[in-house]
Amino acid sequence: MRTAVGLVLVCGVLIAPISAQDGAASGADASGADASSSSDVATPPAEMDPVDAARAAGVKLLVDLRPEDVLEAAKHGPAGEDTPLPAPEVMSGTIRRGVDFLRQAQQEDGSWGGWNNPAPWDEFWSNPYTHKSWIMATTGLVSMALLEEPASAEGDAALRRGVTYILEVEIPKRPSDWDVDNTWGLIYGLQALSEVLARPDRQSVFTGSGDPAAFRAALTERCTRFVEELAKYQTPTGGWGYYDFETLAERPSWATSFQTAVGLIALLQGQAVGIEVPQEMIVAARDALLRCRLPNGAYSYSVDAVPYMGMEWIDNVKGSLSRIQVCNLALVLVGEDSVTRRDLRTGLDRFFEHHRFLDVARKKPVPHEAYYLNSGYFYFFGHYYAARILELLDPADQIVYAARLAREVTKTQETDGSMWDYPFNSYDRPYGTAFGVMTLHRTMAVTRTDVPLQR
């Protein structure tokens, strides 16, 4: 549905001008001539159509570029693949500015994100419970990011307010018969509070001189509720999704590989800190991911009995770059020994080999409008879970990938310190920045190598 609503904007998107400063290949046109340096182009008359005026002025329009020109342009300029690898001080500065942005973006009630600042097509999302679910998910992600920061008065205050919001606000409800976006809030709410439970060294931030046992009991109770709600929305195929157009039943029928993966990761993190998780939930989610795993190393978008493998379909490796990382990670964490370290390295190799498809999609306003149906919101999601993969590799392999991963994040930071990949009400900058900051932390200090993997 979101794709259908957004398609009306495609014509407007495709005539957006690009220049050398915006990532075009050094301002050159398809023949190699420098379009921006021509001195004998007449000034267009004021009444000329804006598109014709841009062409007359020598501006290269996206609609005029061949697909191979667009992909080549993604390699160059301030956001291209040839951007220099960042120095450690650049990475730490990016983290600092990102955290400053997150503190300033917090709402009065302690949450992050909201339904304000909608784009024209965001009016479709008018159900308040959809937004309550997204606010919960965004607040969970930002709280996870702040939990990884060193203790500070301002940072601790923001973290405390965020976690209090997750603990006290209403559990996300299913917005409608077809809209199951509450699953996002359940998953990232569970993961955030599980990570708080796993950090007894930080719990004084929340309790002060109060009773730590009572605080842990409150965390446990809320996590248990999240698990119970996730059990209601686990599909017959074993996964989780956020829409249900087919059956509109109480138990949804559609699931995606990537939400199943993050759901499984959250359940495992909850289980690790003592939350009771039915084993059948974990087994069903694992089996769903295994069915999504394709022979070429990609993961199908949906949990289907028989995935469709079109030449330029989303289930191609180039449309699966971000899903590969999160699905591989979830299967490793659940103990699936068929995913080896070689598989993890291959997934990262493909992530960087084809990274330009994520670059091209970033900031595109219409879901799945880019090559291989990539969406802008795949970007930071994929980089964060790629960084989680780093923690599972040998130190020598970590070095190979860490700086390259950091480059793809640091190059995206805006002047206000935020990072974003898809225009999305007021959720885009908080969730993008949270994912970006957590990614950079792992690229600067990748230390975990205690998970047993097969070579």
Protein backbone atom coordinates (compact mmCIF):
# COMPACT_ATOMS: atom_id res chain seq x y z
CA MET A 1 0.00 0.00 0.00
CA ARG A 2 2.74 2.45 0.89
CA THR A 3 4.37 1.79 -2.49
CA ALA A 4 1.11 2.40 -4.33
CA VAL A 5 0.49 5.68 -2.54
CA GLY A 6 4.00 6.89 -3.19
CA LEU A 7 4.09 6.08 -6.91
CA VAL A 8 2.27 9.29 -7.73
CA LEU A 9 5.46 11.10 -6.83
CA VAL A 10 7.75 9.27 -9.19
CA CYS A 11 7.45 11.78 -11.99
CA GLY A 12 8.45 14.59 -9.64
CA VAL A 13 11.35 12.60 -8.28
CA LEU A 14 12.79 11.67 -11.65
CA ILE A 15 13.27 15.24 -12.80
CA ALA A 16 15.36 16.26 -9.82
CA PRO A 17 18.63 17.75 -11.10
CA ILE A 18 21.95 16.26 -10.07
CA SER A 19 25.35 17.85 -10.37
CA ALA A 20 28.96 17.05 -9.58
CA GLN A 21 28.37 18.28 -6.04
CA ASP A 22 25.42 15.89 -5.69
CA GLY A 23 27.40 12.82 -6.68
CA ALA A 24 27.37 12.91 -10.49
CA ALA A 25 30.51 11.62 -12.10
CA SER A 26 32.65 14.77 -11.97
CA GLY A 27 29.97 16.85 -13.71
CA ALA A 28 30.52 14.99 -16.97
CA ASP A 29 27.76 14.11 -19.39
CA ALA A 30 27.37 10.72 -21.07
CA SER A 31 29.88 11.63 -23.79
CA GLY A 32 32.52 12.70 -21.27
CA ALA A 33 32.17 16.44 -21.92
CA ASP A 34 32.10 18.73 -18.92
CA ALA A 35 28.55 20.07 -19.01
CA SER A 36 29.09 22.50 -16.17
CA SER A 37 32.01 24.35 -17.78
CA SER A 38 30.38 25.41 -21.06
CA SER A 39 30.65 29.17 -21.46
CA ASP A 40 28.49 29.58 -24.57
CA VAL A 41 25.17 28.30 -23.22
CA ALA A 42 22.57 31.04 -23.51
CA THR A 43 20.65 32.08 -20.43
CA PRO A 44 17.18 30.58 -20.77
CA PRO A 45 14.20 32.93 -20.85
CA ALA A 46 12.34 33.33 -17.58
CA GLU A 47 9.12 31.82 -18.93
CA MET A 48 10.79 28.56 -20.02
CA ASP A 49 9.64 25.31 -18.41
CA PRO A 50 11.91 24.57 -15.37
CA VAL A 51 13.01 21.22 -16.81
CA ASP A 52 13.83 22.73 -20.20
CA ALA A 53 15.58 25.61 -18.46
CA ALA A 54 17.75 23.23 -16.49
CA ARG A 55 18.73 21.36 -19.63
CA ALA A 56 19.45 24.62 -21.46
CA ALA A 57 21.71 25.66 -18.58
CA GLY A 58 23.69 22.44 -18.94
CA VAL A 59 22.37 20.79 -15.76
CA LYS A 60 22.36 17.02 -15.89
CA LEU A 61 18.94 15.62 -15.00
CA LEU A 62 18.45 12.22 -13.44
CA VAL A 63 15.75 11.39 -15.99
CA ASP A 64 18.29 11.89 -18.81
CA LEU A 65 20.86 9.48 -17.40
CA ARG A 66 21.11 5.89 -18.44
CA PRO A 67 20.97 3.35 -15.59
CA GLU A 68 24.70 2.68 -15.92
CA ASP A 69 25.37 6.43 -15.63
CA VAL A 70 23.41 6.62 -12.37
CA LEU A 71 25.30 3.72 -10.87
CA GLU A 72 28.62 5.18 -11.99
CA ALA A 73 27.67 8.52 -10.43
CA ALA A 74 27.06 6.76 -7.11
CA LYS A 75 30.75 5.84 -6.96
CA HIS A 76 31.98 9.42 -6.95
CA GLY A 77 31.66 12.66 -5.05
CA PRO A 78 31.13 13.34 -1.34
CA ALA A 79 28.91 10.26 -0.85
CA GLY A 80 30.49 7.82 -3.26
CA GLU A 81 32.40 4.58 -2.95
CA ASP A 82 35.68 6.39 -3.57
CA THR A 83 35.25 8.51 -0.42
CA PRO A 84 38.46 8.17 1.68
CA LEU A 85 38.39 5.87 4.68
CA PRO A 86 37.72 7.93 7.82
CA ALA A 87 40.36 8.48 10.49
CA PRO A 88 39.44 7.48 14.07
CA GLU A 89 39.02 11.10 15.09
CA VAL A 90 36.51 11.57 12.25
CA MET A 91 34.54 8.56 13.44
CA SER A 92 34.53 9.71 17.08
CA GLY A 93 33.48 13.19 16.00
CA THR A 94 30.63 11.74 13.98
CA ILE A 95 29.48 9.77 17.02
CA ARG A 96 29.65 12.83 19.26
CA ARG A 97 27.61 14.99 16.89
CA GLY A 98 25.11 12.19 16.38
CA VAL A 99 24.58 11.72 20.11
CA ASP A 100 24.19 15.48 20.56
CA PHE A 101 21.48 15.43 17.89
CA LEU A 102 19.67 12.54 19.59
CA ARG A 103 19.60 14.33 22.93
CA GLN A 104 18.21 17.47 21.33
CA ALA A 105 15.59 15.55 19.33
CA GLN A 106 14.00 13.90 22.36
CA GLN A 107 10.31 14.69 22.88
CA GLU A 108 8.96 16.07 26.15
CA ASP A 109 7.51 12.68 27.11
CA GLY A 110 10.90 11.00 26.70
CA SER A 111 10.22 9.43 23.31
CA TRP A 112 11.78 9.97 19.90
CA GLY A 113 9.99 10.39 16.59
CA GLY A 114 6.42 11.36 15.86
CA TRP A 115 3.79 11.99 13.20
CA ASN A 116 4.73 15.63 12.69
CA ASN A 117 6.60 16.79 9.56
CA PRO A 118 4.74 14.47 7.18
CA ALA A 119 5.56 14.34 3.51
CA PRO A 120 2.49 14.57 1.25
CA TRP A 121 2.15 10.78 0.98
CA ASP A 122 2.53 10.27 4.73
CA GLU A 123 -1.06 11.46 5.19
CA PHE A 124 -2.00 7.88 4.32
CA TRP A 125 -0.66 6.83 7.71
CA SER A 126 -3.37 8.44 9.82
CA ASN A 127 -4.01 5.70 12.37
CA PRO A 128 -2.60 6.90 15.71
CA TYR A 129 -1.70 3.35 16.74
CA THR A 130 0.56 3.01 13.72
CA HIS A 131 2.48 6.03 14.95
CA LYS A 132 2.49 4.85 18.55
CA SER A 133 4.13 1.65 17.33
CA TRP A 134 6.75 3.54 15.33
CA ILE A 135 7.43 5.86 18.27
CA MET A 136 8.03 2.84 20.51
CA ALA A 137 10.39 1.30 17.96
CA THR A 138 12.30 4.54 17.40
CA THR A 139 12.58 5.17 21.14
CA GLY A 140 13.88 1.64 21.62
CA LEU A 141 16.60 2.14 19.00
CA VAL A 142 17.72 5.50 20.39
CA SER A 143 17.76 4.12 23.93
CA MET A 144 19.97 1.26 22.72
CA ALA A 145 22.35 3.80 21.18
CA LEU A 146 22.52 5.97 24.31
CA LEU A 147 23.07 2.90 26.49
CA GLU A 148 26.34 2.29 24.60
CA GLU A 149 27.61 5.79 25.39
CA PRO A 150 29.92 6.60 28.32
CA ALA A 151 28.12 7.94 31.39
CA SER A 152 27.33 11.65 31.32
CA ALA A 153 24.75 13.81 33.06
CA GLU A 154 22.93 14.84 29.86
CA GLY A 155 23.19 11.46 28.17
CA ASP A 156 22.05 9.56 31.27
CA ALA A 157 19.07 11.87 31.71
CA ALA A 158 17.96 11.29 28.10
CA LEU A 159 18.46 7.54 28.44
CA ARG A 160 16.48 7.43 31.67
CA ARG A 161 13.55 9.28 30.13
CA GLY A 162 13.60 7.05 27.04
CA VAL A 163 13.60 3.80 29.02
CA THR A 164 10.89 5.15 31.34
CA TYR A 165 8.75 5.85 28.27
CA ILE A 166 9.14 2.25 27.04
CA LEU A 167 8.31 0.93 30.50
CA GLU A 168 5.24 3.04 31.17
CA VAL A 169 3.53 3.81 27.86
CA GLU A 170 0.74 1.63 26.52
CA ILE A 171 1.87 -1.60 24.83
CA PRO A 172 1.57 -1.09 21.06
CA LYS A 173 -1.78 -2.30 19.73
CA ARG A 174 -2.45 -3.63 16.25
CA PRO A 175 -3.48 -0.53 14.27
CA SER A 176 -6.01 -2.19 11.93
CA ASP A 177 -6.97 -5.41 10.19
CA TRP A 178 -4.23 -5.05 7.55
CA ASP A 179 -1.72 -2.95 9.53
CA VAL A 180 0.45 -4.95 11.93
CA ASP A 181 3.13 -2.31 12.50
CA ASN A 182 2.83 -2.85 16.26
CA THR A 183 5.34 -5.66 15.75
CA TRP A 184 8.11 -3.09 15.21
CA GLY A 185 7.40 -1.49 18.57
CA LEU A 186 7.24 -4.87 20.30
CA ILE A 187 10.57 -6.01 18.83
CA TYR A 188 12.68 -2.93 19.51
CA GLY A 189 10.99 -2.30 22.85
CA LEU A 190 11.95 -5.84 23.91
CA GLN A 191 15.50 -5.50 22.63
CA ALA A 192 16.07 -2.14 24.32
CA LEU A 193 14.87 -3.28 27.74
CA SER A 194 16.74 -6.59 27.42
CA GLU A 195 19.93 -4.63 26.81
CA VAL A 196 19.24 -2.54 29.91
CA LEU A 197 18.83 -5.75 31.91
CA ALA A 198 22.16 -6.95 30.52
CA ARG A 199 23.93 -3.83 31.85
CA PRO A 200 23.80 -3.87 35.68
CA ASP A 201 26.66 -1.37 35.61
CA ARG A 202 24.27 1.21 34.11
CA GLN A 203 21.15 0.53 36.15
CA SER A 204 21.98 3.18 38.74
CA VAL A 205 21.15 5.63 35.93
CA PHE A 206 17.51 4.56 36.28
CA THR A 207 17.19 3.79 40.00
CA GLY A 208 19.38 6.40 41.69
CA SER A 209 19.07 5.58 45.36
CA GLY A 210 15.94 3.50 44.70
CA ASP A 211 15.45 -0.26 44.73
CA PRO A 212 17.39 -1.98 41.90
CA ALA A 213 15.39 -5.19 42.40
CA ALA A 214 12.10 -3.38 41.81
CA PHE A 215 13.47 -1.81 38.65
CA ARG A 216 14.63 -5.16 37.30
CA ALA A 217 11.23 -6.63 38.12
CA ALA A 218 9.54 -3.85 36.12
CA LEU A 219 11.88 -4.47 33.19
CA THR A 220 11.20 -8.20 33.32
CA GLU A 221 7.45 -7.73 33.48
CA ARG A 222 7.39 -5.40 30.47
CA CYS A 223 9.71 -7.68 28.45
CA THR A 224 7.45 -10.62 29.24
CA ARG A 225 4.47 -8.65 27.91
CA PHE A 226 6.39 -7.89 24.72
CA VAL A 227 7.12 -11.60 24.23
CA GLU A 228 3.47 -12.53 24.84
CA GLU A 229 2.33 -10.00 22.24
CA LEU A 230 4.91 -11.18 19.71
CA ALA A 231 3.61 -14.73 20.17
CA LYS A 232 0.14 -13.54 19.10
CA TYR A 233 1.48 -12.10 15.86
CA GLN A 234 3.89 -14.83 14.82
CA THR A 235 2.54 -16.12 11.53
CA PRO A 236 1.85 -19.77 10.67
CA THR A 237 5.06 -19.65 8.62
CA GLY A 238 7.01 -18.85 11.79
CA GLY A 239 7.92 -15.23 11.10
CA TRP A 240 6.69 -11.70 11.66
CA GLY A 241 5.47 -9.06 9.26
CA TYR A 242 3.93 -5.61 9.47
CA TYR A 243 1.04 -5.93 6.99
CA ASP A 244 -1.59 -8.57 6.36
CA PHE A 245 -3.43 -7.96 3.12
CA GLU A 246 -4.39 -11.56 2.42
CA THR A 247 -6.38 -12.96 5.33
CA LEU A 248 -6.95 -9.96 7.63
CA ALA A 249 -7.15 -12.57 10.38
CA GLU A 250 -6.34 -12.21 14.06
CA ARG A 251 -3.17 -14.17 13.40
CA PRO A 252 -1.42 -12.51 10.44
CA SER A 253 -0.42 -14.54 7.39
CA TRP A 254 2.43 -12.49 5.83
CA ALA A 255 5.97 -12.37 7.20
CA THR A 256 9.29 -10.98 6.02
CA SER A 257 12.74 -12.42 6.47
CA PHE A 258 14.24 -9.27 7.94
CA GLN A 259 11.55 -8.63 10.56
CA THR A 260 11.66 -12.31 11.47
CA ALA A 261 15.42 -11.93 11.93
CA VAL A 262 15.18 -8.88 14.20
CA GLY A 263 12.36 -10.52 16.11
CA LEU A 264 14.47 -13.61 16.67
CA ILE A 265 17.45 -11.50 17.79
CA ALA A 266 15.26 -9.67 20.30
CA LEU A 267 13.86 -12.93 21.66
CA LEU A 268 17.34 -14.35 22.07
CA GLN A 269 18.55 -11.25 23.87
CA GLY A 270 15.55 -11.42 26.17
CA GLN A 271 16.14 -15.10 26.85
CA ALA A 272 19.79 -14.37 27.68
CA VAL A 273 18.76 -12.04 30.54
CA GLY A 274 16.18 -14.40 32.02
CA ILE A 275 13.02 -13.54 30.12
CA GLU A 276 10.90 -16.63 29.54
CA VAL A 277 10.59 -17.23 25.80
CA PRO A 278 8.73 -20.29 24.49
CA GLN A 279 11.20 -22.42 22.60
CA GLU A 280 8.67 -23.09 19.86
CA MET A 281 8.73 -19.38 18.97
CA ILE A 282 12.48 -19.48 18.49
CA VAL A 283 12.46 -22.72 16.50
CA ALA A 284 9.68 -21.50 14.21
CA ALA A 285 11.49 -18.23 13.52
CA ARG A 286 14.75 -20.05 12.81
CA ASP A 287 13.06 -22.42 10.41
CA ALA A 288 11.37 -19.52 8.62
CA LEU A 289 14.75 -17.85 8.04
CA LEU A 290 16.25 -21.07 6.75
CA ARG A 291 13.45 -21.29 4.17
CA CYS A 292 14.26 -17.72 3.08
CA ARG A 293 17.95 -18.55 2.56
CA LEU A 294 18.67 -18.87 -1.15
CA PRO A 295 21.49 -20.79 -2.89
CA ASN A 296 23.09 -17.53 -4.10
CA GLY A 297 23.51 -16.27 -0.52
CA ALA A 298 20.57 -13.87 -0.65
CA TYR A 299 17.46 -14.05 1.52
CA SER A 300 13.99 -13.73 0.09
CA TYR A 301 12.06 -10.65 1.15
CA SER A 302 8.97 -12.57 2.21
CA VAL A 303 8.71 -15.88 3.99
CA ASP A 304 7.36 -17.84 1.03
CA ALA A 305 7.12 -21.52 0.23
CA VAL A 306 8.80 -20.87 -3.14
CA PRO A 307 10.60 -17.51 -3.51
CA TYR A 308 10.36 -15.74 -6.87
CA MET A 309 13.77 -15.22 -8.47
CA GLY A 310 13.35 -12.58 -11.20
CA MET A 311 16.49 -11.18 -12.83
CA GLU A 312 16.06 -7.74 -11.27
CA TRP A 313 13.77 -8.73 -8.44
CA ILE A 314 14.26 -7.82 -4.79
CA ASP A 315 15.33 -11.40 -3.98
CA ASN A 316 18.44 -10.99 -6.11
CA VAL A 317 21.67 -10.50 -4.11
CA LYS A 318 21.70 -6.81 -5.12
CA GLY A 319 18.25 -6.38 -3.61
CA SER A 320 19.12 -8.40 -0.52
CA LEU A 321 22.30 -6.65 0.66
CA SER A 322 20.90 -5.51 4.01
CA ARG A 323 18.78 -8.62 4.60
CA ILE A 324 21.82 -10.85 4.15
CA GLN A 325 23.49 -9.25 7.17
CA VAL A 326 20.61 -9.40 9.63
CA CYS A 327 19.48 -12.89 8.59
CA ASN A 328 23.00 -14.32 8.79
CA LEU A 329 23.41 -12.71 12.21
CA ALA A 330 20.14 -14.10 13.56
CA LEU A 331 20.94 -17.63 12.37
CA VAL A 332 24.40 -17.52 13.93
CA LEU A 333 23.04 -16.26 17.25
CA VAL A 334 20.40 -18.99 17.35
CA GLY A 335 23.14 -21.59 16.87
CA GLU A 336 22.53 -22.55 13.24
CA ASP A 337 25.89 -24.10 12.33
CA SER A 338 25.21 -24.12 8.59
CA VAL A 339 26.08 -20.39 8.57
CA THR A 340 29.86 -20.25 8.69
CA ARG A 341 32.41 -17.49 9.06
CA ARG A 342 32.99 -17.82 5.33
CA ASP A 343 29.29 -17.09 4.79
CA LEU A 344 29.55 -14.01 6.98
CA ARG A 345 32.57 -12.74 5.06
CA THR A 346 30.91 -13.46 1.72
CA GLY A 347 27.84 -11.52 2.83
CA LEU A 348 29.99 -8.53 3.77
CA ASP A 349 31.98 -8.78 0.55
CA ARG A 350 28.78 -8.57 -1.47
CA PHE A 351 27.53 -5.73 0.72
CA PHE A 352 30.53 -3.60 -0.28
CA GLU A 353 30.82 -4.90 -3.85
CA HIS A 354 27.27 -3.80 -4.63
CA HIS A 355 27.02 -0.94 -2.14
CA ARG A 356 26.20 1.55 -4.89
CA PHE A 357 22.68 0.10 -5.05
CA LEU A 358 22.14 1.20 -1.45
CA ASP A 359 23.75 4.57 -2.19
CA VAL A 360 21.39 5.16 -5.10
CA ALA A 361 18.35 4.24 -2.99
CA ARG A 362 19.25 6.38 0.04
CA LYS A 363 16.91 9.38 0.46
CA LYS A 364 14.61 8.23 -2.34
CA PRO A 365 11.07 9.15 -1.19
CA VAL A 366 9.19 6.23 -2.79
CA PRO A 367 9.63 2.74 -1.29
CA HIS A 368 11.34 0.25 -3.60
CA GLU A 369 11.81 2.74 -6.44
CA ALA A 370 15.53 2.04 -6.86
CA TYR A 371 17.27 -0.82 -8.67
CA TYR A 372 16.37 -4.32 -7.48
CA LEU A 373 13.55 -2.70 -5.50
CA ASN A 374 15.92 -1.29 -2.89
CA SER A 375 14.37 1.27 -0.54
CA GLY A 376 16.05 4.15 1.22
CA TYR A 377 15.27 2.69 4.65
CA PHE A 378 17.38 -0.39 3.89
CA TYR A 379 20.51 1.74 4.33
CA PHE A 380 21.19 2.25 8.05
CA PHE A 381 19.35 -0.93 9.01
CA GLY A 382 21.79 -2.92 6.88
CA HIS A 383 24.88 -1.10 8.13
CA TYR A 384 24.00 -1.66 11.78
CA TYR A 385 23.55 -5.39 11.35
CA ALA A 386 26.70 -5.56 9.22
CA ALA A 387 28.48 -4.01 12.21
CA ARG A 388 27.00 -6.68 14.47
CA ILE A 389 28.50 -9.24 12.08
CA LEU A 390 31.93 -7.62 12.61
CA GLU A 391 31.80 -8.62 16.25
CA LEU A 392 31.67 -12.28 15.25
CA LEU A 393 34.71 -12.29 12.96
CA ASP A 394 38.37 -12.94 13.61
CA PRO A 395 40.38 -9.77 14.38
CA ALA A 396 42.16 -9.88 11.02
CA ASP A 397 38.82 -9.98 9.20
CA GLN A 398 37.41 -7.22 11.37
CA ILE A 399 40.16 -4.88 10.22
CA VAL A 400 39.33 -5.58 6.57
CA TYR A 401 35.73 -4.43 6.90
CA ALA A 402 35.57 -1.96 9.81
CA ALA A 403 36.93 1.18 8.14
CA ARG A 404 34.93 0.56 4.96
CA LEU A 405 31.76 0.24 7.00
CA ALA A 406 32.58 3.40 8.95
CA ARG A 407 33.11 5.31 5.71
CA GLU A 408 29.62 4.49 4.49
CA VAL A 409 28.18 5.95 7.70
CA THR A 410 30.36 9.01 8.32
CA LYS A 411 29.79 10.28 4.79
CA THR A 412 26.05 10.59 5.46
CA GLN A 413 26.08 12.92 8.47
CA GLU A 414 24.11 16.14 8.05
CA THR A 415 25.14 19.53 9.42
CA ASP A 416 22.80 19.12 12.40
CA GLY A 417 24.54 15.85 13.35
CA SER A 418 21.74 13.59 12.17
CA MET A 419 21.86 10.75 9.66
CA TRP A 420 18.84 9.69 7.63
CA ASP A 421 18.02 7.52 4.66
CA TYR A 422 14.29 7.89 3.95
CA PRO A 423 11.89 10.84 4.49
CA PHE A 424 9.53 9.52 7.14
CA ASN A 425 7.64 12.00 9.36
CA SER A 426 9.91 12.70 12.36
CA TYR A 427 11.23 9.16 12.67
CA ASP A 428 13.87 9.23 9.94
CA ARG A 429 16.61 11.22 11.65
CA PRO A 430 16.35 9.64 15.13
CA TYR A 431 16.33 6.02 13.90
CA GLY A 432 18.95 6.68 11.22
CA THR A 433 21.24 8.44 13.69
CA ALA A 434 20.78 5.71 16.29
CA PHE A 435 21.67 3.00 13.78
CA GLY A 436 24.61 5.10 12.54
CA VAL A 437 26.05 5.75 16.00
CA MET A 438 25.77 2.08 17.00
CA THR A 439 27.44 1.08 13.74
CA LEU A 440 30.38 3.41 14.32
CA HIS A 441 30.90 2.17 17.88
CA ARG A 442 31.36 -1.34 16.53
CA THR A 443 33.72 -0.27 13.79
CA MET A 444 35.93 1.51 16.33
CA ALA A 445 36.06 -1.35 18.81
CA VAL A 446 35.27 -4.79 17.44
CA THR A 447 36.25 -7.17 20.19
CA ARG A 448 33.77 -10.02 20.46
CA THR A 449 35.04 -13.31 19.02
CA ASP A 450 33.62 -15.77 21.54
CA VAL A 451 30.74 -17.11 19.43
CA PRO A 452 31.70 -20.54 18.03
CA LEU A 453 31.47 -20.64 14.23
CA GLN A 454 32.43 -23.15 11.60
CA ARG A 455 35.11 -22.17 9.09
